[in-house]
Protein backbone atom coordinates (compact mmCIF):
# COMPACT_ATOMS: atom_id res chain seq x y z
CA MET A 1 -15.03 11.06 22.40
CA GLU A 2 -15.33 11.92 19.08
CA LYS A 3 -14.94 9.76 16.18
CA MET A 4 -12.20 10.59 14.22
CA LYS A 5 -13.33 12.20 10.67
CA LEU A 6 -10.79 10.84 7.81
CA ASN A 7 -13.15 11.01 4.52
CA PRO A 8 -12.88 14.21 2.19
CA ARG A 9 -15.40 16.69 3.20
CA LYS A 10 -16.09 17.19 -0.77
CA GLU A 11 -15.10 15.01 -3.78
CA ALA A 12 -13.07 17.28 -6.02
CA LYS A 13 -14.77 16.78 -9.32
CA GLN A 14 -14.20 19.75 -11.44
CA LYS A 15 -10.56 20.15 -13.09
CA ARG A 16 -9.49 22.86 -10.46
CA SER A 17 -10.76 21.13 -7.71
CA ARG A 18 -8.69 18.39 -8.88
CA GLU A 19 -5.61 20.38 -8.83
CA THR A 20 -6.27 21.81 -5.87
CA VAL A 21 -6.30 18.53 -4.33
CA ARG A 22 -3.60 17.18 -5.94
CA ALA A 23 -1.77 19.87 -4.60
CA ILE A 24 -2.53 19.77 -1.13
CA LEU A 25 -1.27 16.12 -1.46
CA GLU A 26 1.46 16.58 -2.97
CA ALA A 27 2.63 19.22 -0.23
CA ALA A 28 1.67 16.78 2.42
CA THR A 29 4.08 13.95 0.62
CA HIS A 30 6.83 16.78 0.37
CA ILE A 31 6.33 17.91 4.32
CA LEU A 32 6.54 14.20 4.77
CA ASN A 33 9.81 13.57 3.47
CA THR A 34 11.42 16.15 4.95
CA LYS A 35 10.49 17.19 8.28
CA GLY A 36 7.96 13.38 8.70
CA ALA A 37 5.26 13.32 10.57
CA ALA A 38 6.25 15.76 13.54
CA GLY A 39 5.90 18.74 11.33
CA LEU A 40 2.69 17.50 8.90
CA THR A 41 -0.24 20.85 9.93
CA THR A 42 -2.56 21.43 8.06
CA ASN A 43 -1.05 25.01 7.84
CA HIS A 44 2.16 23.78 6.77
CA ILE A 45 0.59 21.64 4.09
CA ALA A 46 -1.63 25.04 2.72
CA LYS A 47 1.40 27.20 2.43
CA LYS A 48 3.71 24.46 0.58
CA ALA A 49 0.41 23.86 -1.63
CA GLY A 50 -0.16 27.30 -2.15
CA VAL A 51 -3.61 27.40 -1.06
CA SER A 52 -5.80 29.02 1.69
CA ILE A 53 -6.15 27.43 4.89
CA GLY A 54 -10.27 27.13 3.98
CA SER A 55 -9.37 25.80 0.43
CA VAL A 56 -7.66 22.82 2.63
CA TYR A 57 -10.43 22.73 5.01
CA GLN A 58 -13.20 22.92 1.93
CA TYR A 59 -11.95 19.07 1.43
CA PHE A 60 -10.13 17.92 4.18
CA PRO A 61 -11.86 17.56 7.13
CA ASN A 62 -7.78 17.65 9.53
CA LYS A 63 -4.48 16.48 9.00
CA ASP A 64 -5.14 12.87 9.70
CA SER A 65 -7.79 12.67 6.53
CA ILE A 66 -5.05 13.85 4.09
CA THR A 67 -3.10 10.90 5.83
CA SER A 68 -5.27 8.74 5.01
CA ARG A 69 -5.76 9.84 1.55
CA LEU A 70 -1.86 9.34 1.18
CA PHE A 71 -2.22 5.94 2.88
CA GLU A 72 -4.97 4.49 0.89
CA ASP A 73 -3.47 6.10 -2.40
CA PHE A 74 0.07 4.27 -1.21
CA ILE A 75 -1.60 0.96 -0.82
CA ASP A 76 -3.90 1.16 -3.59
CA GLU A 77 -0.56 1.87 -6.40
CA GLN A 78 1.07 -1.28 -4.59
CA GLY A 79 -2.25 -2.86 -5.20
CA ARG A 80 -2.12 -1.66 -8.82
CA LEU A 81 0.82 -2.55 -9.31
CA VAL A 82 0.31 -6.53 -8.33
CA PHE A 83 -2.94 -6.86 -10.55
CA SER A 84 -1.35 -5.63 -13.55
CA VAL A 85 1.45 -8.21 -13.20
CA LEU A 86 -0.84 -10.50 -12.53
CA SER A 87 -2.52 -10.30 -15.41
CA GLU A 88 -0.28 -11.16 -16.96
CA VAL A 89 -0.16 -14.88 -16.32
CA GLU A 90 -1.34 -17.30 -18.46
CA ASN A 91 0.25 -20.23 -16.86
CA VAL A 92 1.67 -21.69 -13.92
CA GLU A 93 5.39 -21.42 -15.18
CA SER A 94 4.71 -17.40 -15.92
CA LEU A 95 2.97 -17.61 -12.55
CA TYR A 96 6.38 -17.96 -10.66
CA GLU A 97 8.26 -15.90 -13.36
CA ASN A 98 6.52 -13.14 -12.55
CA ILE A 99 6.04 -13.85 -8.56
CA ARG A 100 9.38 -12.94 -8.29
CA VAL A 101 8.76 -9.54 -10.46
CA ILE A 102 6.41 -8.31 -8.20
CA LEU A 103 8.36 -9.23 -5.20
CA LYS A 104 11.04 -6.88 -7.07
CA GLU A 105 8.73 -3.94 -8.48
CA LEU A 106 7.59 -3.89 -4.89
CA TYR A 107 10.44 -3.40 -2.76
CA ARG A 108 11.83 -1.09 -5.27
CA TYR A 109 8.33 0.97 -4.62
CA ARG A 110 8.49 0.82 -0.65
CA THR A 111 12.41 2.17 -0.92
CA GLU A 112 11.43 5.32 -2.99
CA GLU A 113 8.73 5.87 -0.69
CA ILE A 114 9.87 4.72 2.11
CA ILE A 115 10.05 8.42 4.56
CA VAL A 116 6.71 9.05 3.90
CA ALA A 117 5.84 5.22 4.51
CA ARG A 118 7.11 5.77 8.13
CA ALA A 119 5.49 8.38 8.82
CA ILE A 120 2.37 7.00 7.80
CA ALA A 121 3.06 3.78 9.59
CA HIS A 122 3.64 5.75 11.94
CA GLU A 123 0.18 7.15 11.62
CA ILE A 124 -1.51 3.76 11.31
CA SER A 125 -1.13 3.43 14.77
CA LYS A 126 -4.24 5.28 15.64
CA GLY A 127 -6.40 2.45 14.83
CA GLN A 128 -8.33 3.97 11.77
CA PHE A 129 -5.10 3.14 9.26
CA HIS A 130 -4.85 -0.13 10.82
CA ARG A 131 -8.36 -1.41 9.43
CA LYS A 132 -7.74 0.57 6.33
CA LEU A 133 -4.99 -1.25 5.53
CA MET A 134 -6.52 -4.80 6.74
CA GLN A 135 -9.26 -3.91 4.89
CA ILE A 136 -7.07 -3.79 1.60
CA LYS A 137 -4.94 -6.75 2.14
CA ARG A 138 -8.16 -8.44 2.29
CA GLU A 139 -9.89 -7.61 -0.86
CA LEU A 140 -6.02 -8.48 -2.09
CA SER A 141 -6.13 -11.72 -0.83
CA LYS A 142 -9.71 -13.04 -1.56
CA TYR A 143 -8.32 -11.77 -5.14
CA ILE A 144 -5.58 -13.69 -5.01
CA LEU A 145 -7.07 -17.34 -4.11
CA SER A 146 -9.54 -16.22 -6.35
CA PHE A 147 -6.93 -16.19 -9.30
CA LEU A 148 -4.98 -19.24 -7.92
CA ASN A 149 -8.63 -21.29 -7.95
CA GLU A 150 -8.71 -20.20 -11.73
CA LEU A 151 -5.22 -20.93 -12.88
CA PHE A 152 -4.53 -23.92 -10.07
CA ASP A 153 -7.72 -25.36 -9.15
CA VAL A 154 -7.35 -24.20 -5.66
CA GLN A 155 -10.33 -24.54 -3.83
CA ILE A 156 -11.80 -21.45 -2.50
CA ASN A 157 -12.57 -22.02 1.54
CA SER A 158 -11.96 -20.78 4.65
CA MET A 159 -8.56 -23.17 5.54
CA ASN A 160 -7.06 -21.91 1.75
CA GLN A 161 -8.71 -18.51 2.12
CA ILE A 162 -6.52 -17.91 6.26
CA LYS A 163 -3.22 -19.77 4.22
CA VAL A 164 -3.43 -16.50 1.48
CA ASP A 165 -3.92 -14.17 4.03
CA LEU A 166 -0.50 -15.22 6.30
CA MET A 167 1.11 -14.70 2.87
CA VAL A 168 -0.23 -11.37 2.09
CA ASP A 169 0.66 -10.10 5.49
CA GLY A 170 4.11 -11.92 5.77
CA MET A 171 5.23 -10.56 2.26
CA ASP A 172 4.05 -7.17 3.48
CA ASN A 173 6.08 -7.17 6.49
CA MET A 174 9.13 -8.73 4.63
CA ILE A 175 9.37 -6.12 1.57
CA PHE A 176 8.40 -2.97 4.70
CA TYR A 177 11.62 -4.71 6.56
CA MET A 178 13.31 -4.86 3.75
CA ALA A 179 13.01 -1.47 2.61
CA GLU A 180 14.21 0.48 5.48
CA LYS A 181 17.19 -1.61 5.49
CA GLU A 182 20.62 -0.59 3.92
CA MET A 183 21.10 -3.42 1.98
CA THR A 184 23.81 -4.57 -0.94
CA GLU A 185 22.27 -6.27 -4.08
CA GLN A 186 23.31 -9.37 -3.78
CA GLU A 187 21.34 -9.38 0.05
CA VAL A 188 18.42 -8.35 -1.59
CA GLU A 189 18.42 -10.71 -4.25
CA GLU A 190 18.52 -13.08 -1.69
CA SER A 191 15.88 -12.01 -0.09
CA ILE A 192 13.79 -11.48 -2.62
CA SER A 193 14.79 -15.48 -3.42
CA PHE A 194 13.83 -16.52 0.28
CA MET A 195 10.40 -14.89 -0.31
CA PHE A 196 9.69 -16.85 -3.48
CA ARG A 197 11.01 -20.22 -2.09
CA ILE A 198 8.08 -19.32 0.97
CA LEU A 199 5.42 -18.28 -1.87
CA LYS A 200 6.14 -21.06 -4.10
CA ASN A 201 6.01 -23.54 -0.43
CA GLY A 202 2.62 -21.90 0.43
CA ILE A 203 1.00 -22.00 -3.22
CA ASN A 204 1.76 -25.93 -3.25
CA GLU A 205 0.49 -26.55 -0.63
CA LEU A 206 -3.21 -25.08 -0.91
CA GLU A 207 -5.87 -27.68 -0.52
CA LYS A 208 -7.22 -28.72 -3.96
């Protein structure tokens, strides 16, 4: 079987090209929000974006490459959120304060984008998307370990990396689970407090 092509065919460099790509991605997001993954076809995307089917294929070889781009943007945005909050951390006290901020913001983001997230999660099961997700998570956990090394003098070694990997995976899964549930404000706060305690304990148990 031929390997699924996920990378864009053509890089959008000019303003008009970037606008076309943005229209395609916005159309795909709208379709996922209204019809789910089953309603996502290149013809529907082209019609909603107001472009020809040829224009879609000029930038994306198939619908899976569009989903892949949406998935990357979805995960990248969460990564930028984490990095931007961590960049404000100056000491141990502010780290723990900002962990709560990160958890709340990730929950808020996942809740707002949960319909798209579900559809993308369905596509992840195909394999290529799952590997991409794992790669992004590993990059994030390596950054976090390096960050903790500077802040806490935590050792950068294989065991600590495994522990941070587990924390990143665990928090991601729990936040996704929360976003899919209809939770009261109190339940959200209690769940975030629970995750915070897990992270704090996990950080304190890292080798120094």
